[in-house]
């Protein structure tokens, strides 16, 4: 993933959410709408989430140390996971609580034009942020569907911003529906129902984000296309005759570890094997530039031993 593309989408979302949060809290102060309060907290939580993503991207750039010899690239996944927790607790749970309170203790909605005006403004601002995230994602998505892109992306920033902005737009529609029904019926229970729907939506999005970032935290292999390119680059048909088995692991969104046992000729000298390994590493880096940490173990291929070994994988 392009780090600059992710940063651009985050900054656009941060600017939009700060402006929207301020407008929503003003609308709540004048109207007393619980939907506006829930949406204001939602936008504030989103702003904090974008701050976390920017912080994670900055900390992930630190150089490797003796204590962390593979660097800090996966710290971006940690902050992505924190975003899902914040969205669940601050955004979703608060909205569910506020909506329930509004249903149990309904209060009249005053100055309804404030929340309606703010919601229209928020839809425009969120639409701009969502459009930026979609544009940046399309440069990386290729032929994948949106679901595949969110599930397979190794960088957490764009999927997080996409889901947040999409959830925000749906939440705005729910909030607008709650306010309109409250004005039409004179019952603020609809405002509370709209607020609870917003909370349920945020909890669902948070759970999806948590599941995806958890998988990244545990460690994911390279994608099938990258694995195929690495395997093809390893074998030159001369010094390296086959890949006995291979493992890959993302140390970060833009850094890949490759470990493989490769078959060489039984009568090759140590110098010839060393040159073959160096050449294989160069071919891998040319085929997959993010393969920065490579460990190759030469061996003599034995068909019986290979049958008992774990299958070659990414």
C-alpha atoms as a PDB file:
ATOM      1  CA  UNK A   1       0.000   0.000   0.000  1.00  0.00           C
ATOM      2  CA  UNK A   2       1.088   3.564  -0.647  1.00  0.00           C
ATOM      3  CA  UNK A   3       1.732   5.166   2.713  1.00  0.00           C
ATOM      4  CA  UNK A   4       1.159   8.621   1.209  1.00  0.00           C
ATOM      5  CA  UNK A   5      -2.253   7.535  -0.081  1.00  0.00           C
ATOM      6  CA  UNK A   6      -3.277   6.265   3.338  1.00  0.00           C
ATOM      7  CA  UNK A   7      -2.059   9.462   5.016  1.00  0.00           C
ATOM      8  CA  UNK A   8      -3.976  11.636   2.549  1.00  0.00           C
ATOM      9  CA  UNK A   9      -7.201   9.746   3.261  1.00  0.00           C
ATOM     10  CA  UNK A  10      -6.629   9.978   7.040  1.00  0.00           C
ATOM     11  CA  UNK A  11      -5.968  13.733   6.961  1.00  0.00           C
ATOM     12  CA  UNK A  12      -9.083  14.321   4.831  1.00  0.00           C
ATOM     13  CA  UNK A  13     -11.180  12.256   7.248  1.00  0.00           C
ATOM     14  CA  UNK A  14      -9.681  14.021  10.288  1.00  0.00           C
ATOM     15  CA  UNK A  15     -10.454  17.497   8.956  1.00  0.00           C
ATOM     16  CA  UNK A  16     -14.004  16.514   8.028  1.00  0.00           C
ATOM     17  CA  UNK A  17     -14.743  14.827  11.347  1.00  0.00           C
ATOM     18  CA  UNK A  18     -13.470  17.715  13.485  1.00  0.00           C
ATOM     19  CA  UNK A  19     -15.698  20.176  11.606  1.00  0.00           C
ATOM     20  CA  UNK A  20     -18.662  17.807  11.742  1.00  0.00           C
ATOM     21  CA  UNK A  21     -18.220  17.065  15.462  1.00  0.00           C
ATOM     22  CA  UNK A  22     -18.279  20.776  16.316  1.00  0.00           C
ATOM     23  CA  UNK A  23     -21.408  21.327  14.215  1.00  0.00           C
ATOM     24  CA  UNK A  24     -23.211  18.341  15.758  1.00  0.00           C
ATOM     25  CA  UNK A  25     -22.528  19.454  19.321  1.00  0.00           C
ATOM     26  CA  UNK A  26     -23.851  22.933  18.487  1.00  0.00           C
ATOM     27  CA  UNK A  27     -26.986  21.330  17.032  1.00  0.00           C
ATOM     28  CA  UNK A  28     -27.412  19.203  20.169  1.00  0.00           C
ATOM     29  CA  UNK A  29     -27.079  22.270  22.404  1.00  0.00           C
ATOM     30  CA  UNK A  30     -29.890  24.054  20.542  1.00  0.00           C
ATOM     31  CA  UNK A  31     -32.214  21.102  19.877  1.00  0.00           C
ATOM     32  CA  UNK A  32     -31.598  18.530  22.618  1.00  0.00           C
ATOM     33  CA  UNK A  33     -31.543  15.754  19.989  1.00  0.00           C
ATOM     34  CA  UNK A  34     -29.960  12.556  21.298  1.00  0.00           C
ATOM     35  CA  UNK A  35     -29.146  11.585  17.718  1.00  0.00           C
ATOM     36  CA  UNK A  36     -27.064  14.735  17.463  1.00  0.00           C
ATOM     37  CA  UNK A  37     -25.277  13.961  20.731  1.00  0.00           C
ATOM     38  CA  UNK A  38     -24.551  10.378  19.634  1.00  0.00           C
ATOM     39  CA  UNK A  39     -23.405  11.563  16.215  1.00  0.00           C
ATOM     40  CA  UNK A  40     -21.218  14.249  17.822  1.00  0.00           C
ATOM     41  CA  UNK A  41     -19.514  11.656  20.030  1.00  0.00           C
ATOM     42  CA  UNK A  42     -19.202   9.385  16.978  1.00  0.00           C
ATOM     43  CA  UNK A  43     -17.418  12.116  14.990  1.00  0.00           C
ATOM     44  CA  UNK A  44     -15.207  12.939  17.973  1.00  0.00           C
ATOM     45  CA  UNK A  45     -14.293   9.257  18.328  1.00  0.00           C
ATOM     46  CA  UNK A  46     -13.540   9.087  14.602  1.00  0.00           C
ATOM     47  CA  UNK A  47     -11.261  12.123  14.929  1.00  0.00           C
ATOM     48  CA  UNK A  48      -9.388  10.390  17.738  1.00  0.00           C
ATOM     49  CA  UNK A  49      -9.162   7.257  15.605  1.00  0.00           C
ATOM     50  CA  UNK A  50      -7.571   9.158  12.739  1.00  0.00           C
ATOM     51  CA  UNK A  51      -5.102  10.633  15.227  1.00  0.00           C
ATOM     52  CA  UNK A  52      -4.257   7.088  16.368  1.00  0.00           C
ATOM     53  CA  UNK A  53      -3.679   5.951  12.776  1.00  0.00           C
ATOM     54  CA  UNK A  54      -1.340   8.885  12.110  1.00  0.00           C
ATOM     55  CA  UNK A  55       0.537   8.166  15.345  1.00  0.00           C
ATOM     56  CA  UNK A  56       0.819   4.466  14.468  1.00  0.00           C
ATOM     57  CA  UNK A  57       2.200   5.296  11.025  1.00  0.00           C
ATOM     58  CA  UNK A  58       4.791   7.619  12.568  1.00  0.00           C
ATOM     59  CA  UNK A  59       5.916   5.141  15.234  1.00  0.00           C
ATOM     60  CA  UNK A  60       6.140   2.311  12.686  1.00  0.00           C
ATOM     61  CA  UNK A  61       8.900   4.221  10.884  1.00  0.00           C
ATOM     62  CA  UNK A  62      11.375   3.795  13.752  1.00  0.00           C
ATOM     63  CA  UNK A  63      14.563   1.929  12.935  1.00  0.00           C
ATOM     64  CA  UNK A  64      15.086  -1.634  14.122  1.00  0.00           C
ATOM     65  CA  UNK A  65      16.801  -2.162  17.469  1.00  0.00           C
ATOM     66  CA  UNK A  66      18.422  -5.112  19.232  1.00  0.00           C
ATOM     67  CA  UNK A  67      15.226  -5.610  21.214  1.00  0.00           C
ATOM     68  CA  UNK A  68      13.071  -5.385  18.054  1.00  0.00           C
ATOM     69  CA  UNK A  69      15.381  -6.624  15.278  1.00  0.00           C
ATOM     70  CA  UNK A  70      12.610  -6.756  12.665  1.00  0.00           C
ATOM     71  CA  UNK A  71      11.582  -3.151  13.288  1.00  0.00           C
ATOM     72  CA  UNK A  72       8.256  -1.623  14.291  1.00  0.00           C
ATOM     73  CA  UNK A  73       6.215  -2.014  11.100  1.00  0.00           C
ATOM     74  CA  UNK A  74       3.489  -4.047  12.794  1.00  0.00           C
ATOM     75  CA  UNK A  75       2.809  -1.184  15.210  1.00  0.00           C
ATOM     76  CA  UNK A  76       0.437   0.117  12.545  1.00  0.00           C
ATOM     77  CA  UNK A  77      -1.674  -2.985  13.190  1.00  0.00           C
ATOM     78  CA  UNK A  78      -1.693  -2.303  16.936  1.00  0.00           C
ATOM     79  CA  UNK A  79      -3.084   1.186  16.429  1.00  0.00           C
ATOM     80  CA  UNK A  80      -5.577  -0.133  13.891  1.00  0.00           C
ATOM     81  CA  UNK A  81      -6.842  -2.537  16.561  1.00  0.00           C
ATOM     82  CA  UNK A  82      -7.064   0.312  19.091  1.00  0.00           C
ATOM     83  CA  UNK A  83      -9.270   2.170  16.614  1.00  0.00           C
ATOM     84  CA  UNK A  84     -11.780  -0.695  16.642  1.00  0.00           C
ATOM     85  CA  UNK A  85     -11.856  -0.631  20.464  1.00  0.00           C
ATOM     86  CA  UNK A  86     -12.446   3.140  20.577  1.00  0.00           C
ATOM     87  CA  UNK A  87     -15.155   2.903  17.921  1.00  0.00           C
ATOM     88  CA  UNK A  88     -16.878   0.102  19.855  1.00  0.00           C
ATOM     89  CA  UNK A  89     -16.778   1.693  23.319  1.00  0.00           C
ATOM     90  CA  UNK A  90     -16.867   5.451  22.769  1.00  0.00           C
ATOM     91  CA  UNK A  91     -19.001   5.428  19.635  1.00  0.00           C
ATOM     92  CA  UNK A  92     -21.207   2.327  19.666  1.00  0.00           C
ATOM     93  CA  UNK A  93     -21.834   1.639  23.344  1.00  0.00           C
ATOM     94  CA  UNK A  94     -22.397   5.323  24.148  1.00  0.00           C
ATOM     95  CA  UNK A  95     -24.925   5.651  21.314  1.00  0.00           C
ATOM     96  CA  UNK A  96     -26.816   2.546  22.474  1.00  0.00           C
ATOM     97  CA  UNK A  97     -26.959   3.926  26.019  1.00  0.00           C
ATOM     98  CA  UNK A  98     -28.039   7.403  24.938  1.00  0.00           C
ATOM     99  CA  UNK A  99     -30.715   5.994  22.615  1.00  0.00           C
ATOM    100  CA  UNK A 100     -32.130   3.768  25.361  1.00  0.00           C
ATOM    101  CA  UNK A 101     -32.271   6.716  27.762  1.00  0.00           C
ATOM    102  CA  UNK A 102     -34.104   8.803  25.171  1.00  0.00           C
ATOM    103  CA  UNK A 103     -36.676   6.052  24.632  1.00  0.00           C
ATOM    104  CA  UNK A 104     -37.186   5.597  28.382  1.00  0.00           C
ATOM    105  CA  UNK A 105     -37.295   9.317  29.136  1.00  0.00           C
ATOM    106  CA  UNK A 106     -38.404  11.129  25.954  1.00  0.00           C
ATOM    107  CA  UNK A 107     -37.886  14.871  25.820  1.00  0.00           C
ATOM    108  CA  UNK A 108     -39.263  17.292  23.226  1.00  0.00           C
ATOM    109  CA  UNK A 109     -37.092  18.151  20.252  1.00  0.00           C
ATOM    110  CA  UNK A 110     -36.521  21.890  20.013  1.00  0.00           C
ATOM    111  CA  UNK A 111     -35.316  23.917  17.049  1.00  0.00           C
ATOM    112  CA  UNK A 112     -35.430  20.908  14.720  1.00  0.00           C
ATOM    113  CA  UNK A 113     -33.932  22.933  11.880  1.00  0.00           C
ATOM    114  CA  UNK A 114     -30.551  22.921  13.665  1.00  0.00           C
ATOM    115  CA  UNK A 115     -30.004  19.138  13.494  1.00  0.00           C
ATOM    116  CA  UNK A 116     -31.425  18.963   9.945  1.00  0.00           C
ATOM    117  CA  UNK A 117     -29.081  21.693   8.723  1.00  0.00           C
ATOM    118  CA  UNK A 118     -26.079  20.151  10.466  1.00  0.00           C
ATOM    119  CA  UNK A 119     -26.890  16.700   9.096  1.00  0.00           C
ATOM    120  CA  UNK A 120     -27.004  18.046   5.537  1.00  0.00           C
ATOM    121  CA  UNK A 121     -23.638  19.740   6.105  1.00  0.00           C
ATOM    122  CA  UNK A 122     -22.245  16.531   7.635  1.00  0.00           C
ATOM    123  CA  UNK A 123     -23.361  14.425   4.661  1.00  0.00           C
ATOM    124  CA  UNK A 124     -21.484  16.768   2.318  1.00  0.00           C
ATOM    125  CA  UNK A 125     -18.317  16.766   4.459  1.00  0.00           C
ATOM    126  CA  UNK A 126     -18.372  12.997   5.020  1.00  0.00           C
ATOM    127  CA  UNK A 127     -19.028  12.489   1.315  1.00  0.00           C
ATOM    128  CA  UNK A 128     -15.845  14.439   0.535  1.00  0.00           C
ATOM    129  CA  UNK A 129     -13.850  12.329   3.001  1.00  0.00           C
ATOM    130  CA  UNK A 130     -15.361   9.070   1.691  1.00  0.00           C
ATOM    131  CA  UNK A 131     -14.664  10.109  -1.918  1.00  0.00           C
ATOM    132  CA  UNK A 132     -11.001  10.706  -1.043  1.00  0.00           C
ATOM    133  CA  UNK A 133     -10.723   7.289   0.644  1.00  0.00           C
ATOM    134  CA  UNK A 134     -12.370   5.567  -2.344  1.00  0.00           C
ATOM    135  CA  UNK A 135     -10.068   7.350  -4.799  1.00  0.00           C
ATOM    136  CA  UNK A 136      -6.918   6.383  -2.870  1.00  0.00           C
ATOM    137  CA  UNK A 137      -8.157   2.803  -2.426  1.00  0.00           C
ATOM    138  CA  UNK A 138      -8.966   2.355  -6.112  1.00  0.00           C
ATOM    139  CA  UNK A 139      -5.283   2.865  -6.946  1.00  0.00           C
ATOM    140  CA  UNK A 140      -4.466  -0.260  -4.903  1.00  0.00           C
ATOM    141  CA  UNK A 141      -7.636  -2.319  -5.136  1.00  0.00           C
ATOM    142  CA  UNK A 142      -7.132  -3.497  -8.711  1.00  0.00           C
ATOM    143  CA  UNK A 143      -9.733  -6.095  -9.706  1.00  0.00           C
ATOM    144  CA  UNK A 144     -10.647  -6.996  -6.123  1.00  0.00           C
ATOM    145  CA  UNK A 145     -14.147  -6.358  -4.837  1.00  0.00           C
ATOM    146  CA  UNK A 146     -14.480  -3.939  -1.931  1.00  0.00           C
ATOM    147  CA  UNK A 147     -15.033  -6.813   0.491  1.00  0.00           C
ATOM    148  CA  UNK A 148     -11.913  -8.575  -0.795  1.00  0.00           C
ATOM    149  CA  UNK A 149      -9.899  -5.357  -0.549  1.00  0.00           C
ATOM    150  CA  UNK A 150     -10.886  -4.781   3.083  1.00  0.00           C
ATOM    151  CA  UNK A 151     -10.205  -8.413   3.997  1.00  0.00           C
ATOM    152  CA  UNK A 152      -6.888  -8.753   2.145  1.00  0.00           C
ATOM    153  CA  UNK A 153      -5.314  -5.317   2.610  1.00  0.00           C
ATOM    154  CA  UNK A 154      -2.089  -5.542   4.604  1.00  0.00           C
ATOM    155  CA  UNK A 155      -2.140  -1.854   5.543  1.00  0.00           C
ATOM    156  CA  UNK A 156      -4.904  -0.995   8.019  1.00  0.00           C
ATOM    157  CA  UNK A 157      -5.348   2.714   7.286  1.00  0.00           C
ATOM    158  CA  UNK A 158      -7.452   2.752   4.122  1.00  0.00           C
ATOM    159  CA  UNK A 159      -9.832  -0.079   5.162  1.00  0.00           C
ATOM    160  CA  UNK A 160     -10.344   1.639   8.530  1.00  0.00           C
ATOM    161  CA  UNK A 161     -11.093   5.030   6.954  1.00  0.00           C
ATOM    162  CA  UNK A 162     -13.356   3.426   4.331  1.00  0.00           C
ATOM    163  CA  UNK A 163     -15.428   1.597   6.937  1.00  0.00           C
ATOM    164  CA  UNK A 164     -15.549   4.605   9.274  1.00  0.00           C
ATOM    165  CA  UNK A 165     -16.697   6.961   6.526  1.00  0.00           C
ATOM    166  CA  UNK A 166     -19.199   4.466   5.148  1.00  0.00           C
ATOM    167  CA  UNK A 167     -20.573   3.914   8.657  1.00  0.00           C
ATOM    168  CA  UNK A 168     -20.688   7.664   9.239  1.00  0.00           C
ATOM    169  CA  UNK A 169     -22.755   8.239   6.090  1.00  0.00           C
ATOM    170  CA  UNK A 170     -25.215   5.495   7.037  1.00  0.00           C
ATOM    171  CA  UNK A 171     -25.344   6.882  10.588  1.00  0.00           C
ATOM    172  CA  UNK A 172     -26.176  10.345   9.264  1.00  0.00           C
ATOM    173  CA  UNK A 173     -29.073   8.919   7.274  1.00  0.00           C
ATOM    174  CA  UNK A 174     -30.319   7.126  10.409  1.00  0.00           C
ATOM    175  CA  UNK A 175     -29.991  10.297  12.466  1.00  0.00           C
ATOM    176  CA  UNK A 176     -31.816  12.321   9.834  1.00  0.00           C
ATOM    177  CA  UNK A 177     -34.575   9.716   9.732  1.00  0.00           C
ATOM    178  CA  UNK A 178     -34.930   9.849  13.518  1.00  0.00           C
ATOM    179  CA  UNK A 179     -35.163  13.649  13.541  1.00  0.00           C
ATOM    180  CA  UNK A 180     -37.660  13.773  10.634  1.00  0.00           C
ATOM    181  CA  UNK A 181     -39.899  11.139  12.252  1.00  0.00           C
ATOM    182  CA  UNK A 182     -39.712  12.983  15.579  1.00  0.00           C
ATOM    183  CA  UNK A 183     -40.825  16.221  13.915  1.00  0.00           C
ATOM    184  CA  UNK A 184     -43.558  14.452  11.923  1.00  0.00           C
ATOM    185  CA  UNK A 185     -45.025  12.481  14.849  1.00  0.00           C
ATOM    186  CA  UNK A 186     -44.201  14.783  17.751  1.00  0.00           C
ATOM    187  CA  UNK A 187     -42.665  11.819  19.603  1.00  0.00           C
ATOM    188  CA  UNK A 188     -38.965  11.962  20.476  1.00  0.00           C
ATOM    189  CA  UNK A 189     -38.948   8.175  20.856  1.00  0.00           C
ATOM    190  CA  UNK A 190     -38.034   8.064  17.163  1.00  0.00           C
ATOM    191  CA  UNK A 191     -34.947  10.146  17.908  1.00  0.00           C
ATOM    192  CA  UNK A 192     -33.942   7.528  20.486  1.00  0.00           C
ATOM    193  CA  UNK A 193     -34.588   4.676  18.046  1.00  0.00           C
ATOM    194  CA  UNK A 194     -32.418   6.396  15.449  1.00  0.00           C
ATOM    195  CA  UNK A 195     -29.681   6.792  18.050  1.00  0.00           C
ATOM    196  CA  UNK A 196     -29.798   3.096  18.953  1.00  0.00           C
ATOM    197  CA  UNK A 197     -29.586   2.152  15.276  1.00  0.00           C
ATOM    198  CA  UNK A 198     -26.472   4.306  15.014  1.00  0.00           C
ATOM    199  CA  UNK A 199     -24.983   2.510  18.035  1.00  0.00           C
ATOM    200  CA  UNK A 200     -25.715  -0.936  16.572  1.00  0.00           C
ATOM    201  CA  UNK A 201     -24.103   0.094  13.274  1.00  0.00           C
ATOM    202  CA  UNK A 202     -20.945   1.351  15.021  1.00  0.00           C
ATOM    203  CA  UNK A 203     -20.639  -1.819  17.097  1.00  0.00           C
ATOM    204  CA  UNK A 204     -20.935  -3.945  13.939  1.00  0.00           C
ATOM    205  CA  UNK A 205     -18.248  -1.937  12.106  1.00  0.00           C
ATOM    206  CA  UNK A 206     -15.986  -2.076  15.166  1.00  0.00           C
ATOM    207  CA  UNK A 207     -16.304  -5.877  15.306  1.00  0.00           C
ATOM    208  CA  UNK A 208     -15.390  -6.178  11.603  1.00  0.00           C
ATOM    209  CA  UNK A 209     -12.350  -3.930  12.095  1.00  0.00           C
ATOM    210  CA  UNK A 210     -11.290  -5.858  15.202  1.00  0.00           C
ATOM    211  CA  UNK A 211     -11.467  -9.187  13.350  1.00  0.00           C
ATOM    212  CA  UNK A 212      -9.422  -7.925  10.395  1.00  0.00           C
ATOM    213  CA  UNK A 213      -6.730  -6.161  12.444  1.00  0.00           C
ATOM    214  CA  UNK A 214      -6.488  -9.149  14.798  1.00  0.00           C
ATOM    215  CA  UNK A 215      -5.575 -11.315  11.810  1.00  0.00           C
ATOM    216  CA  UNK A 216      -2.854  -8.831  10.836  1.00  0.00           C
ATOM    217  CA  UNK A 217      -1.545  -8.721  14.409  1.00  0.00           C
ATOM    218  CA  UNK A 218      -1.258 -12.503  14.490  1.00  0.00           C
ATOM    219  CA  UNK A 219       0.777 -12.387  11.297  1.00  0.00           C
ATOM    220  CA  UNK A 220      -0.383 -12.884   7.722  1.00  0.00           C
ATOM    221  CA  UNK A 221       1.479 -14.418   4.793  1.00  0.00           C
ATOM    222  CA  UNK A 222       2.062 -12.683   1.487  1.00  0.00           C
ATOM    223  CA  UNK A 223      -0.776 -12.750  -1.004  1.00  0.00           C
ATOM    224  CA  UNK A 224      -1.048 -15.608  -3.534  1.00  0.00           C
ATOM    225  CA  UNK A 225       0.348 -13.503  -6.405  1.00  0.00           C
ATOM    226  CA  UNK A 226       3.372 -12.427  -4.374  1.00  0.00           C
ATOM    227  CA  UNK A 227       4.006 -16.012  -3.225  1.00  0.00           C
ATOM    228  CA  UNK A 228       3.912 -17.195  -6.842  1.00  0.00           C
ATOM    229  CA  UNK A 229       6.386 -14.490  -7.910  1.00  0.00           C
ATOM    230  CA  UNK A 230       8.753 -15.355  -5.062  1.00  0.00           C
ATOM    231  CA  UNK A 231       8.681 -19.079  -5.866  1.00  0.00           C
ATOM    232  CA  UNK A 232       9.327 -18.348  -9.538  1.00  0.00           C
ATOM    233  CA  UNK A 233      12.213 -16.022  -8.658  1.00  0.00           C
ATOM    234  CA  UNK A 234      13.849 -18.590  -6.369  1.00  0.00           C
ATOM    235  CA  UNK A 235      14.242 -21.294  -8.978  1.00  0.00           C
ATOM    236  CA  UNK A 236      16.658 -20.551 -11.814  1.00  0.00           C
ATOM    237  CA  UNK A 237      16.827 -24.138 -13.111  1.00  0.00           C
ATOM    238  CA  UNK A 238      20.587 -24.129 -12.774  1.00  0.00           C
ATOM    239  CA  UNK A 239      21.983 -23.585  -9.277  1.00  0.00           C
ATOM    240  CA  UNK A 240      18.570 -23.694  -7.522  1.00  0.00           C
ATOM    241  CA  UNK A 241      16.485 -26.581  -8.825  1.00  0.00           C
ATOM    242  CA  UNK A 242      13.342 -26.328  -6.709  1.00  0.00           C
ATOM    243  CA  UNK A 243      11.731 -24.870  -3.571  1.00  0.00           C
ATOM    244  CA  UNK A 244      11.430 -27.577  -0.930  1.00  0.00           C
ATOM    245  CA  UNK A 245       9.255 -25.449   1.330  1.00  0.00           C
ATOM    246  CA  UNK A 246       8.715 -21.770   2.002  1.00  0.00           C
ATOM    247  CA  UNK A 247       7.105 -19.434   4.518  1.00  0.00           C
ATOM    248  CA  UNK A 248       6.342 -15.714   4.258  1.00  0.00           C
ATOM    249  CA  UNK A 249       5.241 -13.248   6.937  1.00  0.00           C
ATOM    250  CA  UNK A 250       4.329  -9.575   6.868  1.00  0.00           C
ATOM    251  CA  UNK A 251       6.511  -7.707   9.361  1.00  0.00           C
ATOM    252  CA  UNK A 252       4.515  -4.630   8.421  1.00  0.00           C
ATOM    253  CA  UNK A 253       2.346  -3.483   5.532  1.00  0.00           C
ATOM    254  CA  UNK A 254       5.392  -2.758   3.374  1.00  0.00           C
ATOM    255  CA  UNK A 255       7.917  -5.266   4.715  1.00  0.00           C
ATOM    256  CA  UNK A 256       7.902  -8.995   4.049  1.00  0.00           C
ATOM    257  CA  UNK A 257       9.951 -11.811   5.575  1.00  0.00           C
ATOM    258  CA  UNK A 258      10.755 -14.776   3.321  1.00  0.00           C
ATOM    259  CA  UNK A 259      12.187 -18.040   4.664  1.00  0.00           C
ATOM    260  CA  UNK A 260      12.724 -20.976   2.327  1.00  0.00           C
ATOM    261  CA  UNK A 261      14.593 -24.232   1.993  1.00  0.00           C
ATOM    262  CA  UNK A 262      15.920 -24.548  -1.551  1.00  0.00           C
ATOM    263  CA  UNK A 263      17.348 -27.533  -3.392  1.00  0.00           C
ATOM    264  CA  UNK A 264      20.886 -27.291  -4.804  1.00  0.00           C
ATOM    265  CA  UNK A 265      23.126 -29.810  -6.543  1.00  0.00           C
ATOM    266  CA  UNK A 266      24.852 -32.289  -4.234  1.00  0.00           C
ATOM    267  CA  UNK A 267      28.282 -31.640  -5.740  1.00  0.00           C
ATOM    268  CA  UNK A 268      28.173 -27.814  -5.579  1.00  0.00           C
ATOM    269  CA  UNK A 269      30.928 -26.169  -3.561  1.00  0.00           C
ATOM    270  CA  UNK A 270      30.250 -23.824  -0.662  1.00  0.00           C
ATOM    271  CA  UNK A 271      31.280 -20.850  -2.797  1.00  0.00           C
ATOM    272  CA  UNK A 272      28.897 -21.884  -5.587  1.00  0.00           C
ATOM    273  CA  UNK A 273      26.023 -22.295  -3.119  1.00  0.00           C
ATOM    274  CA  UNK A 274      26.749 -18.883  -1.563  1.00  0.00           C
ATOM    275  CA  UNK A 275      26.660 -17.255  -5.009  1.00  0.00           C
ATOM    276  CA  UNK A 276      23.415 -19.080  -5.815  1.00  0.00           C
ATOM    277  CA  UNK A 277      21.801 -17.802  -2.602  1.00  0.00           C
ATOM    278  CA  UNK A 278      22.928 -14.221  -3.265  1.00  0.00           C
ATOM    279  CA  UNK A 279      21.543 -14.412  -6.797  1.00  0.00           C
ATOM    280  CA  UNK A 280      18.242 -15.881  -5.559  1.00  0.00           C
ATOM    281  CA  UNK A 281      17.863 -13.081  -2.989  1.00  0.00           C
ATOM    282  CA  UNK A 282      18.459 -10.485  -5.696  1.00  0.00           C
ATOM    283  CA  UNK A 283      15.809 -12.105  -7.925  1.00  0.00           C
ATOM    284  CA  UNK A 284      13.277 -12.141  -5.063  1.00  0.00           C
ATOM    285  CA  UNK A 285      13.817  -8.456  -4.274  1.00  0.00           C
ATOM    286  CA  UNK A 286      13.444  -7.593  -7.959  1.00  0.00           C
ATOM    287  CA  UNK A 287      10.192  -9.572  -8.192  1.00  0.00           C
ATOM    288  CA  UNK A 288       8.723  -8.453  -4.849  1.00  0.00           C
ATOM    289  CA  UNK A 289      10.433  -5.252  -3.607  1.00  0.00           C
ATOM    290  CA  UNK A 290       8.841  -5.408  -0.131  1.00  0.00           C
ATOM    291  CA  UNK A 291      10.651  -8.738   0.524  1.00  0.00           C
ATOM    292  CA  UNK A 292      13.344  -7.122   2.652  1.00  0.00           C
ATOM    293  CA  UNK A 293      14.224  -9.917   5.097  1.00  0.00           C
ATOM    294  CA  UNK A 294      15.194 -13.149   3.340  1.00  0.00           C
ATOM    295  CA  UNK A 295      16.544 -16.377   4.833  1.00  0.00           C
ATOM    296  CA  UNK A 296      17.451 -19.198   2.452  1.00  0.00           C
ATOM    297  CA  UNK A 297      18.609 -22.630   3.565  1.00  0.00           C
ATOM    298  CA  UNK A 298      20.288 -24.821   0.907  1.00  0.00           C
ATOM    299  CA  UNK A 299      19.614 -28.549   0.990  1.00  0.00           C
ATOM    300  CA  UNK A 300      19.737 -31.672  -1.150  1.00  0.00           C
ATOM    301  CA  UNK A 301      16.272 -32.593  -2.321  1.00  0.00           C
ATOM    302  CA  UNK A 302      15.074 -35.945  -0.993  1.00  0.00           C
ATOM    303  CA  UNK A 303      11.701 -37.069  -2.286  1.00  0.00           C
ATOM    304  CA  UNK A 304      10.903 -39.190   0.781  1.00  0.00           C
ATOM    305  CA  UNK A 305      11.867 -36.463   3.252  1.00  0.00           C
ATOM    306  CA  UNK A 306       9.919 -33.884   1.259  1.00  0.00           C
ATOM    307  CA  UNK A 307       6.797 -36.052   1.442  1.00  0.00           C
ATOM    308  CA  UNK A 308       6.983 -35.985   5.253  1.00  0.00           C
ATOM    309  CA  UNK A 309       7.702 -32.246   5.515  1.00  0.00           C
ATOM    310  CA  UNK A 310       4.975 -29.566   5.786  1.00  0.00           C
ATOM    311  CA  UNK A 311       3.658 -28.513   2.363  1.00  0.00           C
ATOM    312  CA  UNK A 312       5.178 -25.473   0.735  1.00  0.00           C
ATOM    313  CA  UNK A 313       3.128 -22.415   1.575  1.00  0.00           C
ATOM    314  CA  UNK A 314       3.162 -18.672   1.693  1.00  0.00           C
END
